[in-house]
Amino acid sequence: MKKKKQEREHEDFGRVMFYCKHCNKTFDMEWETIWNMQELTHGYVGYHLYDTYICCPDCGERAEALEQAGPNPF
């Protein structure tokens, strides 16, 4: 019984790809991480990125969400 409850707590909601123009690099981030950031900054969560600013992990510049999912570069 406990195992089923733990599986529901760790549900995978997927990932979204981002592109950094400065580094010419793509990277991904889990939706759950983005939602946590949205909740802390906006007080709500949703599947939108127009008001959530994601920075490149390498250079710190603002990255853009890729509109179409491409091949996984990893």
N, C-alpha and C. Protein backbone atom coordinates (compact mmCIF):
# COMPACT_ATOMS: atom_id res chain seq x y z
N MET A 1 0.82 -1.19 0.00
CA MET A 1 0.00 0.00 0.00
C MET A 1 0.87 1.26 0.00
N LYS A 2 1.93 1.27 0.81
CA LYS A 2 2.80 2.44 0.86
C LYS A 2 3.52 2.67 -0.45
N LYS A 3 3.87 1.59 -1.15
CA LYS A 3 4.60 1.72 -2.41
C LYS A 3 3.77 2.48 -3.45
N LYS A 4 2.48 2.20 -3.55
CA LYS A 4 1.61 2.89 -4.50
C LYS A 4 1.53 4.38 -4.17
N LYS A 5 1.46 4.71 -2.89
CA LYS A 5 1.39 6.11 -2.49
C LYS A 5 2.67 6.84 -2.86
N GLN A 6 3.83 6.21 -2.66
CA GLN A 6 5.11 6.82 -3.01
C GLN A 6 5.24 7.01 -4.51
N GLU A 7 4.73 6.07 -5.31
CA GLU A 7 4.78 6.20 -6.77
C GLU A 7 3.96 7.40 -7.23
N ARG A 8 2.81 7.65 -6.63
CA ARG A 8 1.99 8.79 -7.00
C ARG A 8 2.67 10.11 -6.62
N GLU A 9 3.39 10.14 -5.52
CA GLU A 9 4.08 11.34 -5.09
C GLU A 9 5.21 11.72 -6.04
N HIS A 10 5.78 10.76 -6.74
CA HIS A 10 6.91 11.00 -7.64
C HIS A 10 6.50 10.82 -9.10
N GLU A 11 5.35 11.34 -9.45
CA GLU A 11 4.86 11.24 -10.82
C GLU A 11 5.74 12.08 -11.75
N ASP A 12 6.00 11.57 -12.93
CA ASP A 12 6.83 12.27 -13.91
C ASP A 12 5.93 13.08 -14.85
N PHE A 13 6.07 14.39 -14.82
CA PHE A 13 5.26 15.27 -15.66
C PHE A 13 5.98 15.67 -16.94
N GLY A 14 7.17 15.17 -17.12
CA GLY A 14 7.92 15.45 -18.34
C GLY A 14 8.90 16.60 -18.18
N ARG A 15 9.50 16.97 -19.31
CA ARG A 15 10.53 17.99 -19.33
C ARG A 15 10.28 18.94 -20.49
N VAL A 16 10.89 20.10 -20.44
CA VAL A 16 10.79 21.06 -21.53
C VAL A 16 12.21 21.46 -21.92
N MET A 17 12.42 21.64 -23.23
CA MET A 17 13.74 21.99 -23.75
C MET A 17 13.88 23.50 -23.86
N PHE A 18 15.07 23.99 -23.56
CA PHE A 18 15.41 25.41 -23.67
C PHE A 18 16.64 25.58 -24.53
N TYR A 19 16.78 26.77 -25.10
CA TYR A 19 17.93 27.09 -25.94
C TYR A 19 18.55 28.39 -25.46
N CYS A 20 19.87 28.39 -25.28
CA CYS A 20 20.61 29.59 -24.90
C CYS A 20 21.33 30.11 -26.14
N LYS A 21 20.96 31.31 -26.58
CA LYS A 21 21.61 31.91 -27.75
C LYS A 21 23.07 32.23 -27.47
N HIS A 22 23.35 32.65 -26.24
CA HIS A 22 24.71 33.06 -25.88
C HIS A 22 25.69 31.88 -25.97
N CYS A 23 25.31 30.74 -25.45
CA CYS A 23 26.17 29.54 -25.46
C CYS A 23 25.93 28.65 -26.67
N ASN A 24 24.84 28.89 -27.41
CA ASN A 24 24.42 28.02 -28.49
C ASN A 24 24.25 26.59 -27.96
N LYS A 25 23.52 26.49 -26.86
CA LYS A 25 23.36 25.22 -26.17
C LYS A 25 21.89 24.98 -25.86
N THR A 26 21.47 23.73 -25.96
CA THR A 26 20.14 23.34 -25.52
C THR A 26 20.27 22.58 -24.21
N PHE A 27 19.28 22.75 -23.35
CA PHE A 27 19.23 22.01 -22.10
C PHE A 27 17.76 21.81 -21.74
N ASP A 28 17.50 20.88 -20.85
CA ASP A 28 16.12 20.62 -20.47
C ASP A 28 15.93 20.82 -18.98
N MET A 29 14.66 20.96 -18.60
CA MET A 29 14.31 21.15 -17.20
C MET A 29 12.98 20.46 -16.96
N GLU A 30 12.81 19.87 -15.79
CA GLU A 30 11.57 19.20 -15.45
C GLU A 30 10.47 20.23 -15.23
N TRP A 31 9.26 19.89 -15.66
CA TRP A 31 8.12 20.77 -15.43
C TRP A 31 7.90 21.00 -13.94
N GLU A 32 8.14 19.99 -13.14
CA GLU A 32 7.93 20.12 -11.70
C GLU A 32 8.84 21.20 -11.11
N THR A 33 10.06 21.32 -11.59
CA THR A 33 10.97 22.37 -11.15
C THR A 33 10.45 23.74 -11.56
N ILE A 34 9.96 23.85 -12.79
CA ILE A 34 9.40 25.11 -13.28
C ILE A 34 8.18 25.50 -12.45
N TRP A 35 7.32 24.53 -12.14
CA TRP A 35 6.14 24.82 -11.33
C TRP A 35 6.53 25.31 -9.94
N ASN A 36 7.57 24.72 -9.36
CA ASN A 36 8.02 25.18 -8.05
C ASN A 36 8.48 26.64 -8.12
N MET A 37 9.18 27.00 -9.19
CA MET A 37 9.63 28.37 -9.38
C MET A 37 8.43 29.30 -9.56
N GLN A 38 7.44 28.87 -10.34
CA GLN A 38 6.24 29.68 -10.57
C GLN A 38 5.48 29.91 -9.25
N GLU A 39 5.36 28.86 -8.46
CA GLU A 39 4.63 28.99 -7.21
C GLU A 39 5.33 29.95 -6.26
N LEU A 40 6.65 29.91 -6.23
CA LEU A 40 7.40 30.81 -5.36
C LEU A 40 7.33 32.26 -5.83
N THR A 41 7.34 32.48 -7.14
CA THR A 41 7.38 33.85 -7.65
C THR A 41 6.00 34.43 -7.96
N HIS A 42 5.05 33.59 -8.43
CA HIS A 42 3.76 34.09 -8.87
C HIS A 42 2.60 33.66 -7.97
N GLY A 43 2.79 32.58 -7.23
CA GLY A 43 1.72 32.09 -6.37
C GLY A 43 0.79 31.10 -7.05
N TYR A 44 1.08 30.71 -8.29
CA TYR A 44 0.28 29.72 -9.00
C TYR A 44 1.19 28.99 -9.98
N VAL A 45 0.68 27.88 -10.54
CA VAL A 45 1.47 27.10 -11.49
C VAL A 45 0.66 26.85 -12.74
N GLY A 46 1.36 26.59 -13.85
CA GLY A 46 0.68 26.29 -15.10
C GLY A 46 1.67 25.91 -16.19
N TYR A 47 1.14 25.37 -17.27
CA TYR A 47 1.96 24.95 -18.40
C TYR A 47 2.24 26.12 -19.33
N HIS A 48 2.76 27.19 -18.82
CA HIS A 48 3.12 28.32 -19.65
C HIS A 48 4.49 28.83 -19.22
N LEU A 49 5.20 29.46 -20.14
CA LEU A 49 6.56 29.91 -19.86
C LEU A 49 6.75 31.38 -20.15
N TYR A 50 5.70 32.09 -20.62
CA TYR A 50 5.89 33.47 -21.04
C TYR A 50 6.22 34.40 -19.88
N ASP A 51 5.93 34.01 -18.66
CA ASP A 51 6.28 34.86 -17.52
C ASP A 51 7.22 34.17 -16.54
N THR A 52 7.85 33.10 -16.97
CA THR A 52 8.83 32.40 -16.16
C THR A 52 10.18 32.49 -16.86
N TYR A 53 11.16 33.00 -16.17
CA TYR A 53 12.46 33.23 -16.78
C TYR A 53 13.44 32.15 -16.35
N ILE A 54 13.89 31.38 -17.32
CA ILE A 54 14.82 30.29 -17.07
C ILE A 54 16.19 30.73 -17.57
N CYS A 55 17.19 30.59 -16.73
CA CYS A 55 18.55 30.99 -17.09
C CYS A 55 19.38 29.76 -17.46
N CYS A 56 20.33 29.97 -18.34
CA CYS A 56 21.26 28.93 -18.76
C CYS A 56 22.11 28.51 -17.56
N PRO A 57 22.28 27.22 -17.34
CA PRO A 57 23.10 26.78 -16.21
C PRO A 57 24.58 27.09 -16.39
N ASP A 58 25.02 27.34 -17.62
CA ASP A 58 26.44 27.62 -17.87
C ASP A 58 26.78 29.10 -17.77
N CYS A 59 26.02 29.95 -18.45
CA CYS A 59 26.40 31.37 -18.51
C CYS A 59 25.48 32.28 -17.71
N GLY A 60 24.30 31.80 -17.32
CA GLY A 60 23.38 32.60 -16.54
C GLY A 60 22.49 33.53 -17.36
N GLU A 61 22.63 33.53 -18.68
CA GLU A 61 21.78 34.35 -19.55
C GLU A 61 20.39 33.71 -19.67
N ARG A 62 19.40 34.54 -19.97
CA ARG A 62 18.03 34.05 -20.13
C ARG A 62 17.93 33.14 -21.36
N ALA A 63 17.30 31.99 -21.18
CA ALA A 63 17.12 31.03 -22.27
C ALA A 63 15.68 31.07 -22.75
N GLU A 64 15.46 30.58 -23.96
CA GLU A 64 14.13 30.54 -24.55
C GLU A 64 13.66 29.11 -24.67
N ALA A 65 12.37 28.89 -24.42
CA ALA A 65 11.79 27.57 -24.58
C ALA A 65 11.71 27.23 -26.05
N LEU A 66 12.03 26.01 -26.41
CA LEU A 66 11.92 25.56 -27.80
C LEU A 66 10.46 25.24 -28.06
N GLU A 67 9.95 25.73 -29.19
CA GLU A 67 8.54 25.52 -29.53
C GLU A 67 8.25 24.07 -29.86
N GLN A 68 9.12 23.47 -30.66
CA GLN A 68 8.92 22.09 -31.06
C GLN A 68 10.01 21.21 -30.44
N ALA A 69 9.58 20.10 -29.97
CA ALA A 69 10.55 19.17 -29.39
C ALA A 69 11.42 18.60 -30.50
N GLY A 70 12.69 18.69 -30.35
CA GLY A 70 13.63 18.15 -31.32
C GLY A 70 14.27 16.88 -30.77
N PRO A 71 15.28 16.36 -31.45
CA PRO A 71 15.96 15.19 -30.94
C PRO A 71 16.68 15.52 -29.64
N ASN A 72 16.68 14.59 -28.74
CA ASN A 72 17.32 14.80 -27.45
C ASN A 72 18.84 14.86 -27.65
N PRO A 73 19.47 15.99 -27.28
CA PRO A 73 20.92 16.12 -27.52
C PRO A 73 21.76 15.37 -26.51
N PHE A 74 21.16 14.73 -25.51
CA PHE A 74 21.93 14.06 -24.47
C PHE A 74 22.12 12.61 -24.77
